[in-house]
C-alpha atoms as a PDB file:
ATOM      1  CA  MET A   1       0.000   0.000   0.000  1.00  0.00           C
ATOM      2  CA  VAL A   2       1.470   3.333  -1.052  1.00  0.00           C
ATOM      3  CA  LEU A   3       1.370   6.249   1.396  1.00  0.00           C
ATOM      4  CA  ALA A   4       2.589   8.921  -1.068  1.00  0.00           C
ATOM      5  CA  HIS A   5       2.738   9.611  -4.803  1.00  0.00           C
ATOM      6  CA  ILE A   6       6.063   9.869  -6.675  1.00  0.00           C
ATOM      7  CA  ASP A   7       5.901  13.694  -6.414  1.00  0.00           C
ATOM      8  CA  GLY A   8       5.690  13.470  -2.604  1.00  0.00           C
ATOM      9  CA  SER A   9       2.017  14.365  -2.275  1.00  0.00           C
ATOM     10  CA  MET A  10       0.019  12.210   0.124  1.00  0.00           C
ATOM     11  CA  ASN A  11      -2.051   9.335  -1.246  1.00  0.00           C
ATOM     12  CA  LYS A  12      -5.411   9.729   0.472  1.00  0.00           C
ATOM     13  CA  THR A  13      -7.241   6.483   1.171  1.00  0.00           C
ATOM     14  CA  ASP A  14     -10.324   5.852   3.299  1.00  0.00           C
ATOM     15  CA  LYS A  15      -9.474   4.445   6.733  1.00  0.00           C
ATOM     16  CA  SER A  16     -11.797   1.498   6.114  1.00  0.00           C
ATOM     17  CA  THR A  17      -9.842   0.537   2.986  1.00  0.00           C
ATOM     18  CA  VAL A  18      -6.547   0.675   4.875  1.00  0.00           C
ATOM     19  CA  LEU A  19      -7.995  -1.396   7.738  1.00  0.00           C
ATOM     20  CA  LYS A  20      -9.337  -4.050   5.350  1.00  0.00           C
ATOM     21  CA  ASN A  21      -5.884  -4.407   3.761  1.00  0.00           C
ATOM     22  CA  ILE A  22      -4.215  -4.707   7.167  1.00  0.00           C
ATOM     23  CA  GLU A  23      -6.767  -7.290   8.328  1.00  0.00           C
ATOM     24  CA  LYS A  24      -6.058  -9.436   5.250  1.00  0.00           C
ATOM     25  CA  ARG A  25      -2.355  -9.602   6.183  1.00  0.00           C
ATOM     26  CA  VAL A  26      -2.731 -10.355   9.895  1.00  0.00           C
ATOM     27  CA  ASN A  27      -3.606 -13.697  11.436  1.00  0.00           C
ATOM     28  CA  THR A  28      -5.361 -13.207  14.745  1.00  0.00           C
ATOM     29  CA  VAL A  29      -6.297 -15.482  17.595  1.00  0.00           C
ATOM     30  CA  THR A  30      -9.042 -14.538  20.026  1.00  0.00           C
ATOM     31  CA  PRO A  31      -7.390 -13.754  23.380  1.00  0.00           C
ATOM     32  CA  VAL A  32      -8.291 -15.715  26.487  1.00  0.00           C
ATOM     33  CA  THR A  33      -7.866 -12.667  28.743  1.00  0.00           C
ATOM     34  CA  VAL A  34      -7.764  -8.936  28.112  1.00  0.00           C
ATOM     35  CA  ASP A  35      -4.633  -7.271  29.523  1.00  0.00           C
ATOM     36  CA  ALA A  36      -4.876  -3.846  27.890  1.00  0.00           C
ATOM     37  CA  CYS A  37      -7.471  -1.417  26.649  1.00  0.00           C
ATOM     38  CA  VAL A  38      -7.304   1.615  24.342  1.00  0.00           C
ATOM     39  CA  VAL A  39     -10.110   4.153  24.741  1.00  0.00           C
ATOM     40  CA  ASP A  40     -11.125   6.977  22.418  1.00  0.00           C
ATOM     41  CA  GLY A  41     -11.321   9.734  25.014  1.00  0.00           C
ATOM     42  CA  MET A  42     -13.462  12.175  23.030  1.00  0.00           C
ATOM     43  CA  PHE A  43     -16.008   9.448  22.294  1.00  0.00           C
ATOM     44  CA  LEU A  44     -16.079   8.631  26.011  1.00  0.00           C
ATOM     45  CA  VAL A  45     -16.487  12.292  27.050  1.00  0.00           C
ATOM     46  CA  ARG A  46     -19.256  12.907  24.517  1.00  0.00           C
ATOM     47  CA  SER A  47     -21.100   9.741  25.526  1.00  0.00           C
ATOM     48  CA  LEU A  48     -21.266  10.705  29.204  1.00  0.00           C
ATOM     49  CA  SER A  49     -24.250  12.744  30.325  1.00  0.00           C
ATOM     50  CA  ASN A  50     -23.367  13.153  34.016  1.00  0.00           C
ATOM     51  CA  LEU A  51     -20.226  15.289  33.636  1.00  0.00           C
ATOM     52  CA  LEU A  52     -19.533  17.952  36.240  1.00  0.00           C
ATOM     53  CA  ALA A  53     -18.497  21.497  35.342  1.00  0.00           C
ATOM     54  CA  ALA A  54     -15.036  21.378  36.960  1.00  0.00           C
ATOM     55  CA  PHE A  55     -12.123  19.497  35.403  1.00  0.00           C
ATOM     56  CA  GLY A  56     -11.627  17.442  38.573  1.00  0.00           C
ATOM     57  CA  GLY A  57     -15.206  16.210  38.358  1.00  0.00           C
ATOM     58  CA  VAL A  58     -14.831  15.289  34.683  1.00  0.00           C
ATOM     59  CA  ALA A  59     -11.578  13.428  35.418  1.00  0.00           C
ATOM     60  CA  ARG A  60     -13.204  11.571  38.326  1.00  0.00           C
ATOM     61  CA  VAL A  61     -16.141  10.391  36.183  1.00  0.00           C
ATOM     62  CA  ILE A  62     -13.778   9.226  33.410  1.00  0.00           C
ATOM     63  CA  LEU A  63     -11.506   7.391  35.866  1.00  0.00           C
ATOM     64  CA  GLU A  64     -14.501   5.701  37.498  1.00  0.00           C
ATOM     65  CA  LYS A  65     -15.603   4.419  34.078  1.00  0.00           C
ATOM     66  CA  LEU A  66     -12.115   3.179  33.187  1.00  0.00           C
ATOM     67  CA  CYS A  67     -11.341   1.573  36.560  1.00  0.00           C
ATOM     68  CA  VAL A  68     -14.365  -0.733  36.421  1.00  0.00           C
ATOM     69  CA  CYS A  69     -12.355  -3.109  34.219  1.00  0.00           C
ATOM     70  CA  ALA A  70      -9.595  -5.070  35.946  1.00  0.00           C
ATOM     71  CA  LEU A  71      -6.862  -4.386  33.385  1.00  0.00           C
ATOM     72  CA  LYS A  72      -3.098  -4.241  33.686  1.00  0.00           C
ATOM     73  CA  ARG A  73      -3.037  -1.197  31.410  1.00  0.00           C
ATOM     74  CA  CYS A  74      -5.535   1.250  29.964  1.00  0.00           C
ATOM     75  CA  THR A  75      -4.524   3.999  27.525  1.00  0.00           C
ATOM     76  CA  LEU A  76      -6.853   6.945  27.017  1.00  0.00           C
ATOM     77  CA  PHE A  77      -6.390   8.944  23.805  1.00  0.00           C
ATOM     78  CA  VAL A  78      -8.007  12.368  23.575  1.00  0.00           C
ATOM     79  CA  THR A  79      -7.479  14.470  20.458  1.00  0.00           C
ATOM     80  CA  HIS A  80      -8.914  17.803  19.463  1.00  0.00           C
ATOM     81  CA  THR A  81     -10.533  17.686  16.021  1.00  0.00           C
END
């Protein structure tokens, strides 16, 4: 899969197309246990209706949601788009 054209300009491809090509090349086995979790932070924030006005309250609600799962590691990604 090409990421750029010969002139250096970016080759724009839908994310779903890229994912389908990656999935074809990877052999996966269903895990027995879940050790890690990656969370889309903006999706999580927007899906919560009981957020408090102060940052500490927002952080507490998010941490409560994430700590329910007994995981060794949880990574929260929040991007501004």
